[in-house]
Protein backbone atom coordinates (compact mmCIF):
# COMPACT_ATOMS: atom_id res chain seq x y z
CA MET A 1 150.83 -51.73 -87.44
CA ARG A 2 152.22 -49.49 -84.78
CA PRO A 3 149.79 -49.62 -81.36
CA GLN A 4 149.22 -45.43 -81.84
CA PHE A 5 147.96 -45.59 -84.96
CA VAL A 6 144.96 -48.15 -84.44
CA PRO A 7 142.60 -45.73 -82.53
CA LEU A 8 143.27 -44.31 -85.40
CA ILE A 9 141.84 -46.11 -88.02
CA PHE A 10 138.87 -47.00 -85.98
CA LEU A 11 138.46 -42.98 -85.76
CA LEU A 12 138.15 -43.76 -90.00
CA ILE A 13 136.11 -46.58 -90.22
CA PRO A 14 133.10 -44.40 -89.89
CA ALA A 15 134.22 -41.27 -90.59
CA LEU A 16 134.41 -44.01 -94.17
CA LEU A 17 130.82 -44.62 -93.58
CA ILE A 18 129.95 -41.10 -92.74
CA LEU A 19 131.39 -39.68 -96.00
CA ASN A 20 129.55 -41.89 -98.28
CA SER A 21 126.66 -40.26 -99.71
CA ASP A 22 124.68 -43.77 -99.45
CA PHE A 23 125.12 -44.66 -96.17
CA SER A 24 122.06 -42.97 -93.26
CA TRP A 25 123.63 -43.31 -89.86
CA GLU A 26 119.81 -42.95 -88.63
CA ALA A 27 118.56 -45.53 -90.60
CA LEU A 28 121.59 -48.36 -89.73
CA SER A 29 120.42 -47.32 -86.10
CA ILE A 30 117.02 -47.81 -86.11
CA ARG A 31 118.05 -50.95 -87.39
CA THR A 32 120.33 -51.90 -84.56
CA ILE A 33 117.22 -50.80 -82.85
CA ARG A 34 114.75 -52.96 -83.82
CA ARG A 35 117.13 -56.19 -84.38
CA ILE A 36 118.12 -56.15 -80.76
CA GLY A 37 115.09 -55.73 -78.51
CA ASP A 38 114.12 -54.60 -75.52
CA ARG A 39 115.89 -56.97 -73.52
CA SER A 40 115.30 -54.62 -70.11
CA SER A 41 111.47 -53.30 -69.89
CA VAL A 42 112.98 -50.16 -71.31
CA ARG A 43 109.40 -49.71 -73.10
CA VAL A 44 107.16 -50.34 -70.28
CA LYS A 45 109.62 -48.13 -67.98
CA LEU A 46 108.60 -45.61 -70.96
CA ILE A 47 105.00 -46.01 -71.74
CA GLU A 48 104.87 -45.56 -67.42
CA LEU A 49 105.42 -42.24 -67.67
CA GLY A 50 103.63 -41.66 -70.86
CA PHE A 51 105.99 -42.34 -73.32
CA THR A 52 103.70 -44.34 -75.22
CA THR A 53 104.90 -44.31 -79.42
CA GLU A 54 107.22 -46.01 -80.62
CA GLU A 55 108.76 -43.74 -82.11
CA GLN A 56 109.88 -42.23 -78.23
CA TYR A 57 111.08 -45.88 -77.35
CA GLU A 58 113.72 -45.25 -80.56
CA ASN A 59 114.47 -41.70 -79.35
CA PHE A 60 115.34 -42.89 -76.69
CA ARG A 61 117.48 -46.10 -77.54
CA TYR A 62 119.16 -43.57 -80.18
CA ARG A 63 119.87 -40.92 -77.43
CA GLU A 64 122.46 -43.85 -76.26
CA ILE A 65 123.62 -44.70 -79.18
CA ILE A 66 124.58 -41.07 -79.83
CA ILE A 67 126.02 -40.97 -76.22
CA THR A 68 127.89 -44.00 -76.63
CA PHE A 69 129.42 -42.71 -79.88
CA LEU A 70 130.78 -39.25 -78.56
CA SER A 71 132.37 -41.32 -75.49
CA VAL A 72 134.62 -43.77 -77.83
CA SER A 73 134.98 -41.25 -79.78
CA ALA A 74 136.97 -39.15 -76.90
CA GLU A 75 139.07 -41.94 -75.80
CA PHE A 76 139.96 -42.59 -79.19
CA LEU A 77 140.91 -38.73 -79.58
CA LEU A 78 142.68 -39.07 -75.86
CA LEU A 79 144.37 -42.49 -77.11
CA ILE A 80 145.67 -41.25 -80.29
CA PHE A 81 148.75 -39.91 -78.70
CA ILE A 82 149.37 -43.17 -76.48
CA GLU A 83 151.34 -45.71 -77.36
CA VAL A 84 148.08 -48.42 -76.51
CA ASP A 85 147.44 -52.21 -76.51
CA PRO A 86 144.33 -53.10 -79.46
CA PHE A 87 142.59 -55.32 -76.59
CA GLN A 88 142.73 -52.10 -74.71
CA ILE A 89 141.53 -50.10 -76.50
CA LEU A 90 138.56 -52.88 -77.52
CA PHE A 91 138.29 -53.57 -73.98
CA LEU A 92 137.76 -49.26 -72.65
CA SER A 93 135.16 -49.31 -75.43
CA LEU A 94 133.06 -51.57 -74.04
CA SER A 95 133.56 -50.47 -70.44
CA THR A 96 132.67 -46.86 -71.56
CA THR A 97 129.28 -48.56 -74.09
CA CYS A 98 127.93 -50.56 -71.14
CA GLY A 99 129.01 -47.74 -68.51
CA VAL A 100 126.90 -45.15 -70.99
CA ILE A 101 123.76 -47.52 -70.67
CA PHE A 102 123.86 -48.27 -67.31
CA ILE A 103 123.92 -44.95 -66.03
CA LEU A 104 121.40 -43.91 -68.73
CA GLU A 105 118.86 -46.57 -68.08
CA ARG A 106 119.75 -45.88 -64.55
CA ASN A 107 118.28 -42.50 -64.96
CA LEU A 108 115.40 -43.54 -65.96
CA ASP A 109 114.54 -46.46 -63.09
CA ARG A 110 114.73 -42.76 -61.07
CA GLU A 111 112.42 -41.24 -62.86
CA VAL A 112 110.32 -43.82 -62.60
CA LYS A 113 110.43 -44.32 -58.72
CA ARG A 114 109.91 -40.44 -59.03
CA HIS A 115 107.08 -41.29 -61.32
CA ARG A 116 105.01 -43.41 -58.43
CA GLU A 117 106.42 -41.93 -55.92
CA ALA A 118 104.03 -39.12 -57.18
CA ILE A 119 101.26 -40.86 -57.94
CA ASP A 120 101.09 -41.70 -54.58
CA SER A 121 101.07 -38.52 -52.94
CA GLU A 122 98.82 -36.76 -55.30
CA PHE A 123 95.85 -39.46 -54.89
CA PRO A 124 94.95 -38.29 -51.63
CA ALA A 125 93.87 -34.89 -52.70
CA ILE A 126 92.61 -35.70 -56.46
CA VAL A 127 90.34 -38.65 -54.07
CA GLU A 128 89.04 -36.07 -52.21
CA MET A 129 88.54 -33.55 -55.37
CA MET A 130 86.55 -36.44 -57.36
CA THR A 131 84.43 -36.87 -53.99
CA LEU A 132 83.31 -32.72 -53.87
CA ALA A 133 82.31 -33.15 -58.17
CA LEU A 134 80.27 -36.13 -57.07
CA SER A 135 78.68 -35.06 -54.29
CA ALA A 136 77.65 -31.49 -56.30
CA GLY A 137 75.55 -33.94 -59.06
CA GLU A 138 78.65 -34.38 -61.76
CA THR A 139 79.46 -38.09 -63.67
CA PRO A 140 82.88 -40.17 -62.65
CA LEU A 141 83.93 -38.83 -66.34
CA THR A 142 82.78 -35.31 -65.92
CA SER A 143 84.28 -34.86 -62.36
CA MET A 144 87.95 -36.67 -64.27
CA GLN A 145 87.83 -33.92 -67.02
CA ARG A 146 87.06 -31.18 -64.57
CA ILE A 147 90.03 -32.17 -62.35
CA SER A 148 92.20 -33.07 -65.71
CA ARG A 149 91.99 -29.71 -66.44
CA ARG A 150 92.91 -27.90 -63.57
CA ALA A 151 94.89 -29.91 -61.58
CA GLN A 152 98.19 -30.60 -62.52
CA GLY A 153 100.52 -34.10 -62.53
CA ALA A 154 100.98 -37.02 -62.60
CA LEU A 155 98.50 -38.74 -62.03
CA THR A 156 95.75 -35.74 -63.58
CA ARG A 157 97.52 -36.81 -66.32
CA GLU A 158 95.95 -40.08 -66.53
CA PHE A 159 92.39 -39.52 -65.78
CA ALA A 160 93.34 -36.90 -69.44
CA ASN A 161 94.80 -39.89 -71.03
CA VAL A 162 92.07 -42.10 -69.58
CA ILE A 163 88.90 -38.78 -71.17
CA GLU A 164 91.40 -39.04 -74.77
CA GLU A 165 90.58 -43.39 -74.88
CA VAL A 166 86.93 -42.19 -74.51
CA ALA A 167 86.76 -39.45 -76.70
CA PHE A 168 88.80 -42.03 -79.34
CA GLY A 169 85.44 -44.26 -78.34
CA THR A 170 86.83 -46.41 -75.89
CA PRO A 171 84.69 -47.63 -73.17
CA PHE A 172 84.49 -45.37 -69.97
CA THR A 173 85.10 -49.10 -68.05
CA ASN A 174 87.93 -50.13 -70.16
CA ALA A 175 89.89 -47.01 -69.92
CA LEU A 176 89.64 -47.19 -66.27
CA ASP A 177 91.15 -50.64 -65.77
CA ALA A 178 93.28 -49.72 -68.54
CA MET A 179 95.13 -46.91 -66.50
CA GLY A 180 94.87 -49.30 -63.59
CA ARG A 181 97.16 -51.57 -65.06
CA ARG A 182 99.69 -48.94 -66.17
CA VAL A 183 99.97 -47.19 -63.21
CA HIS A 184 101.85 -49.15 -60.81
CA SER A 185 100.85 -48.45 -57.25
CA TYR A 186 98.49 -50.73 -55.67
CA SER A 187 96.09 -47.31 -53.58
CA VAL A 188 95.35 -46.01 -57.49
CA ARG A 189 94.35 -49.91 -58.65
CA ARG A 190 91.58 -50.64 -55.63
CA PHE A 191 90.63 -47.37 -56.45
CA ILE A 192 90.36 -48.50 -59.95
CA ASP A 193 88.89 -51.61 -59.65
CA ALA A 194 86.85 -49.87 -56.74
CA LEU A 195 85.09 -47.68 -59.10
CA VAL A 196 84.38 -50.07 -61.98
CA ILE A 197 82.99 -52.37 -59.96
CA ALA A 198 80.76 -49.69 -58.89
CA LEU A 199 79.94 -48.47 -62.80
CA ASN A 200 79.15 -51.87 -63.15
CA ARG A 201 76.52 -52.84 -60.95
CA GLY A 202 74.85 -49.84 -59.66
CA ALA A 203 76.61 -49.31 -55.71
CA PRO A 204 77.37 -45.75 -55.07
CA ILE A 205 80.00 -44.12 -55.78
CA ILE A 206 80.32 -41.63 -53.26
CA GLU A 207 80.78 -43.87 -50.46
CA VAL A 208 83.44 -45.85 -52.72
CA LEU A 209 85.59 -42.99 -52.48
CA HIS A 210 84.85 -41.67 -49.37
CA SER A 211 85.59 -44.80 -47.83
CA HIS A 212 89.08 -45.03 -50.67
CA ALA A 213 89.98 -41.35 -49.37
CA ARG A 214 90.14 -41.64 -45.75
CA GLU A 215 92.35 -44.94 -47.00
CA ALA A 216 94.17 -42.99 -48.37
CA ARG A 217 94.63 -40.09 -46.21
CA ASP A 218 95.87 -43.33 -43.40
CA HIS A 219 98.13 -44.55 -46.27
CA GLN A 220 99.66 -41.29 -46.62
CA ARG A 221 99.72 -39.81 -43.26
CA ASN A 222 101.96 -43.59 -42.17
CA ARG A 223 104.11 -42.58 -45.02
CA VAL A 224 105.07 -39.32 -43.77
CA LEU A 225 105.67 -41.33 -40.52
CA SER A 226 107.77 -43.70 -41.85
CA ALA A 227 109.93 -40.82 -44.05
CA ALA A 228 110.47 -38.90 -40.63
CA SER A 229 111.14 -42.33 -37.89
CA LYS A 230 114.55 -42.76 -41.39
CA SER A 231 115.22 -38.70 -41.57
CA GLU A 232 115.51 -38.89 -37.30
CA MET A 233 118.00 -41.59 -37.79
CA SER A 234 120.20 -39.83 -40.39
CA MET A 235 119.63 -36.48 -38.43
CA MET A 236 120.96 -38.55 -34.84
CA ILE A 237 124.26 -39.20 -37.16
CA PRO A 238 126.06 -35.82 -37.40
CA VAL A 239 125.41 -34.95 -33.39
CA VAL A 240 126.18 -38.23 -32.55
CA PHE A 241 129.81 -38.45 -34.22
CA LEU A 242 130.32 -34.73 -34.47
CA ILE A 243 127.44 -32.48 -32.21
CA LEU A 244 128.63 -34.59 -28.69
CA PRO A 245 132.19 -35.49 -29.43
CA ILE A 246 133.14 -30.99 -29.85
CA SER A 247 130.75 -30.74 -26.03
CA ILE A 248 132.64 -33.17 -24.16
CA LEU A 249 135.43 -31.97 -25.03
CA PHE A 250 135.00 -28.41 -24.45
CA ALA A 251 133.64 -30.02 -21.27
CA LEU A 252 136.24 -31.19 -20.13
CA TRP A 253 139.15 -29.56 -21.74
CA PRO A 254 138.94 -26.69 -18.52
CA SER A 255 139.80 -30.17 -16.29
CA ILE A 256 142.80 -31.15 -18.73
CA SER A 257 144.77 -27.84 -18.89
CA ASN A 258 144.39 -27.59 -14.84
CA LEU A 259 145.36 -31.39 -14.80
CA ASN A 260 148.27 -30.26 -16.34
CA LEU A 261 148.78 -26.87 -14.77
CA PHE A 262 149.05 -29.55 -11.71
CA ALA A 263 151.27 -31.84 -13.32
CA GLN A 264 153.75 -29.86 -14.24
CA GLY A 265 153.74 -27.82 -11.26
C-alpha cells in the first residue's frame, strides 16, 4: 500500500461510521467520557467555577473530543499529498491529541486561578458590605440576599448559591460550610468558619465581621504591595538594559568623536 493513501483510509473509517444510520457520534463520545473517567481533577475545577452538573462536565470533555478530531482531520488532509510513514501519522495524531488536551486544561487552570484571585480581591468589600447590613439590623441570610442581588462578582455568585441551597431546604450553616469547602480561599474559609461558630454559639456576629474586615484589608494591602514590588523589579529591566545604555552612549558620544578627530589630526 502506498504511503499517501494511508491518511485517506484513516479519514474514510470515521466517514463510514458517520454515514451509518445506527451510529451516533455523540452517544459514542459520552460513553467514552464515562468509561475513561476524570483523571485530571477537571470535575473539581468546574465545580469550583460554578459548573456543578454532570452535563456541563460532559460538555467540556465533548468539546475536547471535537477539537481533537478536527485538528487530527486537518493534519490528515495535509498529509494526503505528502508521502509519510504510517508511524509518523500515528505519532502526529497522538501528539496533537495530547497537545489539545493540555492546552484546554491549562486554560481551565488559568480560569480557576483568575476565579480565586477575583474572590480574594472582592472579599474585603463584601465583608464590609455585610458588616454594614448587619449593623443596620439585618440577619446574615438577608444581608447575603441583598449583596447577591446588588453586587456582581465571583464571591456574590457563591452567596447566591448559598441562598439557593437554603431555599431548597438546606440549613443555613450547612450551606455556608459547603461554600467554605467549595471556595479555595484561606480568608473566605476562616470567615465562614467564624460565622458558622458565631451562629451556632450565639456570639456577636458584628464583632467577628469587624475583625475579619480589618484582616481582609490588611491582607489586601499586603497583596498590593507584593504585586507592586514585583512590578518594580520588572520595570527595572528595560531601564537597565535599554534606557541606561542609550543615555550613556549619548553622554559619551561627543567625547568619543573628539578623541577620533584628535587621533586623525
